[in-house]
Protein backbone atom coordinates (compact mmCIF):
# COMPACT_ATOMS: atom_id res chain seq x y z
CA MET A 1 0.00 0.00 0.00
CA LYS A 2 1.34 3.41 -0.98
CA THR A 3 2.24 6.01 1.64
CA GLU A 4 -0.45 8.42 0.43
CA ASN A 5 -3.09 5.70 0.72
CA ILE A 6 -2.00 4.85 4.25
CA LYS A 7 -2.09 8.52 5.22
CA SER A 8 -5.55 8.95 3.70
CA LEU A 9 -6.97 5.90 5.48
CA PHE A 10 -5.40 6.96 8.77
CA GLU A 11 -7.00 10.39 8.53
CA GLN A 12 -10.38 8.87 7.67
CA PHE A 13 -10.28 6.44 10.59
CA GLU A 14 -9.30 9.25 12.95
CA ALA A 15 -12.05 11.53 11.60
CA ILE A 16 -14.91 9.19 12.49
CA VAL A 17 -13.91 8.51 16.09
CA CYS A 18 -16.73 9.61 18.41
CA ASP A 19 -17.54 9.70 22.09
CA TYR A 20 -20.27 7.33 23.26
CA ASN A 21 -21.06 7.47 26.98
CA GLY A 22 -17.53 8.66 27.68
CA VAL A 23 -15.90 5.86 25.64
CA GLU A 24 -13.97 6.25 22.39
CA CYS A 25 -16.03 4.48 19.72
CA TRP A 26 -16.54 4.02 16.00
CA SER A 27 -19.93 3.89 14.27
CA ALA A 28 -20.34 0.61 12.39
CA ARG A 29 -22.37 2.44 9.73
CA GLU A 30 -19.49 4.80 9.07
CA LEU A 31 -16.80 2.17 9.50
CA HIS A 32 -18.23 -0.39 7.09
CA THR A 33 -17.68 1.79 4.02
CA LEU A 34 -14.15 2.63 5.13
CA LEU A 35 -13.46 -1.09 5.37
CA GLY A 36 -14.46 -1.60 1.75
CA TYR A 37 -17.96 -3.03 2.26
CA THR A 38 -20.74 -1.67 0.08
CA GLN A 39 -23.57 -3.78 1.50
CA TRP A 40 -24.54 -3.31 5.15
CA ARG A 41 -25.97 -6.85 5.36
CA ASN A 42 -22.62 -8.31 4.32
CA PHE A 43 -20.86 -6.23 6.92
CA LEU A 44 -23.25 -7.48 9.62
CA GLN A 45 -21.93 -10.99 8.99
CA VAL A 46 -18.46 -9.74 9.92
CA VAL A 47 -19.92 -8.05 13.02
CA ASP A 48 -21.45 -11.37 14.10
CA LYS A 49 -18.08 -13.09 13.76
CA ALA A 50 -16.45 -10.35 15.81
CA LYS A 51 -19.10 -10.72 18.53
CA SER A 52 -18.46 -14.47 18.66
CA ALA A 53 -14.72 -13.84 19.00
CA CYS A 54 -15.42 -11.41 21.81
CA ALA A 55 -17.62 -13.92 23.65
CA ASN A 56 -15.08 -16.71 23.14
CA ALA A 57 -12.46 -14.50 24.77
CA GLY A 58 -14.65 -14.34 27.88
CA VAL A 59 -15.47 -10.66 27.37
CA ASN A 60 -18.97 -9.22 27.75
CA VAL A 61 -20.16 -8.47 24.20
CA ALA A 62 -22.55 -5.73 25.32
CA ASP A 63 -19.64 -3.77 26.78
CA HIS A 64 -18.07 -3.40 23.32
CA PHE A 65 -20.93 -3.66 20.81
CA ALA A 66 -23.72 -1.18 21.66
CA ASP A 67 -26.88 -1.28 19.52
CA VAL A 68 -28.06 2.26 18.75
CA SER A 69 -30.06 4.06 16.09
CA LYS A 70 -29.18 7.06 13.96
CA MET A 71 -30.81 9.31 11.41
CA VAL A 72 -29.52 9.18 7.82
CA SER A 73 -30.26 11.52 4.96
CA LEU A 74 -32.15 10.26 1.92
CA GLY A 75 -31.98 11.54 -1.64
CA SER A 76 -35.29 13.37 -1.26
CA ASN A 77 -33.87 15.63 1.46
CA SER A 78 -35.71 13.55 4.05
CA GLN A 79 -34.31 11.41 6.83
CA ARG A 80 -35.03 8.02 8.27
CA GLU A 81 -33.87 6.11 11.33
CA VAL A 82 -31.55 3.15 10.83
CA ALA A 83 -29.92 0.67 13.17
CA ASP A 84 -26.27 1.22 14.04
CA ILE A 85 -23.67 -0.28 16.37
CA MET A 86 -21.19 1.65 18.44
CA LEU A 87 -17.89 -0.22 18.50
CA THR A 88 -15.19 0.22 21.10
CA ARG A 89 -11.56 0.07 20.01
CA TYR A 90 -11.49 -3.59 21.05
CA ALA A 91 -14.66 -4.37 19.08
CA ALA A 92 -13.29 -2.60 16.00
CA TYR A 93 -10.07 -4.58 16.35
CA LEU A 94 -11.99 -7.87 16.46
CA LEU A 95 -14.09 -6.77 13.52
CA ALA A 96 -10.98 -6.03 11.44
CA GLN A 97 -9.50 -9.40 12.40
CA ASN A 98 -12.61 -11.13 11.08
CA GLY A 99 -12.94 -9.09 7.88
CA ASP A 100 -11.92 -10.05 4.37
CA PRO A 101 -8.09 -9.94 4.43
CA ARG A 102 -8.02 -9.44 0.66
CA LYS A 103 -9.36 -5.92 1.13
CA LYS A 104 -6.56 -3.40 1.56
CA GLU A 105 -8.81 -1.45 3.95
CA ILE A 106 -9.15 -4.50 6.21
CA SER A 107 -5.38 -5.04 6.15
CA PHE A 108 -4.89 -1.43 7.21
CA ALA A 109 -7.56 -1.66 9.94
CA GLN A 110 -6.04 -4.81 11.41
CA ASN A 111 -2.78 -2.96 11.97
CA TYR A 112 -4.40 0.35 12.91
CA PHE A 113 -6.55 -1.07 15.69
CA ALA A 114 -3.81 -3.45 16.88
CA ILE A 115 -1.56 -0.42 17.42
CA GLN A 116 -4.38 1.57 19.01
CA THR A 117 -5.14 -1.28 21.42
CA ARG A 118 -1.46 -1.67 22.31
CA ARG A 119 -1.19 2.09 22.83
CA ALA A 120 -4.07 1.99 25.32
CA GLU A 121 -2.41 -0.86 27.20
CA LEU A 122 0.84 1.10 27.39
CA VAL A 123 -0.95 4.21 28.64
CA GLU A 124 -2.78 2.18 31.28
CA GLN A 125 0.48 0.55 32.43
CA ARG A 126 2.22 3.92 32.63
CA LEU A 127 -0.64 5.35 34.70
CA LEU A 128 -0.39 2.46 37.14
CA GLU A 129 3.38 2.94 37.41
CA HIS A 130 2.94 6.68 37.93
CA GLN A 131 0.37 6.08 40.69
CA ARG A 132 2.76 3.69 42.45
CA VAL A 133 5.61 6.22 42.32
CA LEU A 134 3.30 8.92 43.73
CA ALA A 135 2.12 6.58 46.50
CA ARG A 136 5.73 5.81 47.45
CA ALA A 137 6.60 9.51 47.56
CA LYS A 138 3.55 10.15 49.74
CA LEU A 139 4.60 7.40 52.19
CA ALA A 140 8.14 8.84 52.38
CA ASP A 141 6.68 12.25 53.21
CA THR A 142 4.31 10.79 55.83
CA GLU A 143 7.11 8.85 57.52
CA LYS A 144 9.35 11.93 57.51
CA LYS A 145 6.64 13.94 59.28
CA LEU A 146 5.98 11.08 61.71
CA SER A 147 9.69 10.84 62.50
CA GLY A 148 9.70 14.55 63.35
CA VAL A 149 6.66 14.18 65.61
CA LEU A 150 8.22 11.24 67.43
CA TYR A 151 11.59 12.95 67.84
CA GLU A 152 9.83 15.74 69.75
CA ARG A 153 8.34 13.04 71.99
CA GLY A 154 11.53 11.29 72.98
CA VAL A 155 11.93 8.77 70.15
CA ASP A 156 15.23 8.90 68.20
CA GLY A 157 16.04 7.42 64.80
CA LYS A 158 16.79 3.97 66.23
CA GLY A 159 13.51 3.98 68.12
CA PHE A 160 11.60 5.03 65.01
CA ALA A 161 13.11 2.09 63.09
CA ILE A 162 11.94 -0.28 65.85
CA ILE A 163 8.43 1.20 65.78
CA ARG A 164 8.21 0.92 62.01
CA SER A 165 9.39 -2.71 62.16
CA LYS A 166 6.76 -3.56 64.78
CA GLY A 167 4.15 -1.94 62.56
CA ASP A 168 5.20 -4.17 59.65
CA LYS A 169 4.87 -7.24 61.87
CA ALA A 170 1.33 -6.21 62.79
CA LEU A 171 0.38 -5.51 59.16
CA PHE A 172 1.98 -8.55 57.52
CA HIS A 173 2.11 -11.02 60.42
CA LEU A 174 5.71 -11.45 59.26
CA ASP A 175 9.00 -9.79 60.20
CA THR A 176 10.29 -7.09 57.87
CA ALA A 177 13.52 -9.01 57.25
CA LEU A 178 11.59 -12.15 56.29
CA ILE A 179 9.37 -10.24 53.85
CA LYS A 180 12.44 -8.70 52.24
CA ARG A 181 14.01 -12.14 51.77
CA ARG A 182 10.78 -13.41 50.21
CA PHE A 183 10.70 -10.37 47.91
CA GLY A 184 14.39 -10.62 47.03
CA ALA A 185 14.83 -7.05 48.26
CA PRO A 186 18.27 -5.84 49.44
CA ASP A 187 18.68 -5.49 53.21
CA ASN A 188 19.66 -1.83 52.84
CA ARG A 189 16.53 -0.85 50.91
CA PRO A 190 13.11 0.06 52.36
CA LEU A 191 10.50 -2.68 52.08
CA ALA A 192 8.04 -0.17 50.60
CA ASP A 193 10.17 0.15 47.46
CA PHE A 194 9.09 -3.37 46.49
CA LEU A 195 5.49 -3.40 47.71
CA PRO A 196 2.50 -3.22 45.37
CA THR A 197 0.63 0.08 45.43
CA VAL A 198 -2.02 -1.20 47.86
CA GLY A 199 0.75 -2.18 50.30
CA ILE A 200 2.39 1.22 50.08
CA LYS A 201 -0.93 2.93 50.72
CA ALA A 202 -1.69 0.59 53.64
CA LYS A 203 1.58 1.54 55.34
CA ASP A 204 0.91 5.20 54.61
CA LEU A 205 -2.55 5.07 56.20
CA ALA A 206 -1.23 3.38 59.35
CA ALA A 207 1.58 5.95 59.64
CA GLU A 208 -0.88 8.83 59.18
CA MET A 209 -3.08 7.38 61.93
CA THR A 210 -0.11 7.06 64.27
CA SER A 211 0.98 10.65 63.61
CA ILE A 212 -2.49 11.97 64.40
CA ASN A 213 -3.13 9.79 67.45
CA VAL A 214 0.28 10.37 69.03
CA GLN A 215 -0.50 14.09 69.08
CA GLN A 216 -4.16 13.80 70.05
CA LYS A 217 -3.43 11.32 72.85
CA ASP A 218 -0.30 13.26 73.83
CA LEU A 219 1.88 10.15 73.86
CA TYR A 220 5.56 10.22 74.85
CA GLY A 221 8.30 7.59 74.83
CA LEU A 222 9.01 4.45 72.87
CA ASN A 223 6.63 1.95 74.47
CA PRO A 224 3.28 3.81 74.25
CA ILE A 225 4.00 5.10 70.72
CA GLU A 226 5.13 1.64 69.61
CA GLN A 227 1.85 0.15 70.84
CA GLU A 228 -0.11 2.90 69.08
CA HIS A 229 1.60 2.10 65.77
CA ILE A 230 0.99 -1.64 66.25
CA ASP A 231 -2.70 -0.96 66.93
CA ASN A 232 -3.03 1.18 63.83
CA ASN A 233 -1.35 -1.36 61.57
CA THR A 234 -3.55 -4.07 63.08
CA ALA A 235 -6.62 -1.99 62.28
CA VAL A 236 -5.49 -1.45 58.68
CA ARG A 237 -4.78 -5.17 58.32
CA GLN A 238 -8.23 -6.05 59.67
CA MET A 239 -9.87 -3.76 57.14
CA LEU A 240 -7.91 -5.39 54.29
CA VAL A 241 -8.60 -8.94 55.45
CA GLU A 242 -12.32 -8.21 55.74
CA ARG A 243 -12.20 -7.39 52.03
CA GLY A 244 -10.31 -10.59 51.21
CA ILE A 245 -6.89 -8.93 50.94
CA TYR A 246 -4.09 -10.63 52.91
CA PRO A 247 -0.86 -8.58 53.11
CA GLU A 248 1.32 -11.64 53.72
CA ARG A 249 0.23 -12.97 50.31
CA TRP A 250 1.46 -9.95 48.37
CA THR A 251 4.29 -10.59 45.93
CA ALA A 252 7.14 -8.22 45.14
CA ASP A 253 6.56 -5.52 42.58
CA GLU A 254 9.29 -3.96 40.43
CA ASP A 255 11.72 -1.72 42.28
CA VAL A 256 9.89 1.62 42.49
CA LYS A 257 13.17 3.51 42.11
CA LYS A 258 13.78 1.76 38.80
CA ILE A 259 10.27 2.69 37.63
CA GLU A 260 10.80 6.29 38.73
CA ARG A 261 14.03 6.52 36.71
CA LYS A 262 12.30 5.04 33.67
CA LEU A 263 9.41 7.51 33.86
CA LYS A 264 11.78 10.46 34.23
CA SER A 265 13.82 9.24 31.26
CA GLU A 266 10.68 9.01 29.12
CA GLU A 267 9.63 12.50 30.18
CA LYS A 268 13.01 13.94 29.19
CA LYS A 269 12.77 12.33 25.76
CA LEU A 270 9.29 13.80 25.25
CA GLN A 271 10.50 17.25 26.30
CA LYS A 272 13.29 17.29 23.72
CA LYS A 273 12.73 19.32 20.59
CA PRO A 274 12.38 17.28 17.38
CA SER A 275 15.78 18.51 16.20
CA GLN A 276 17.38 17.16 19.38
CA LYS A 277 16.04 13.64 18.98
CA LYS A 278 18.37 11.11 17.53
């Protein structure tokens, strides 16, 4: 396929994207002509195959193929209502995969929607990584503030490390050192750097609770503050377990520092001017 044809098809596919209930969709009525089908009834056979593929994949068909109606113009300057189908990106991808591969438009669509689907997956993954980095930064800030509060109440750095370790034992029902060994985390690195996002947020919530309660209850010294932190981690654990989430069953996530470096590297590349890119 020539470059100008590819560019033309790309622009046409982009032009008919619409928003349906907050979801990026394509109208089957508009898409079927772009895919080289002149007869709607023939195109519906392809739609049925795509629906079957969707169902066989264990995906709810109704979530991706929405039956709607639309008004079309007739030659006599009148309009009539016709049936249409709103297709999500995934539905359009399946439809292209089940179309006539001899049509150059179908060949283009197969690649177009495959790339679009992959792009969405990459965006989703990056968002999840970004959220985890933000959660880790929030926990570091919370623990820094808590350390300052405790220092004013007679707890030094060594005491704070003991309190934090006792909190981990209450949350995980396992020692911090044991969890690190299970995770393959270095001894000199914080456990939180290898926790999934929910684990980071659980530790953050418990630390926030301790910071507030230590001040409200006017606690001083290692023993009462240690017990307060244990109680708060126990409460957070109980809430998680009640929802079927067991902290001791979590598996290690990728080193958050590595993810942070990767995200920053990607941002720098995006910020470069076109002339600077190699």
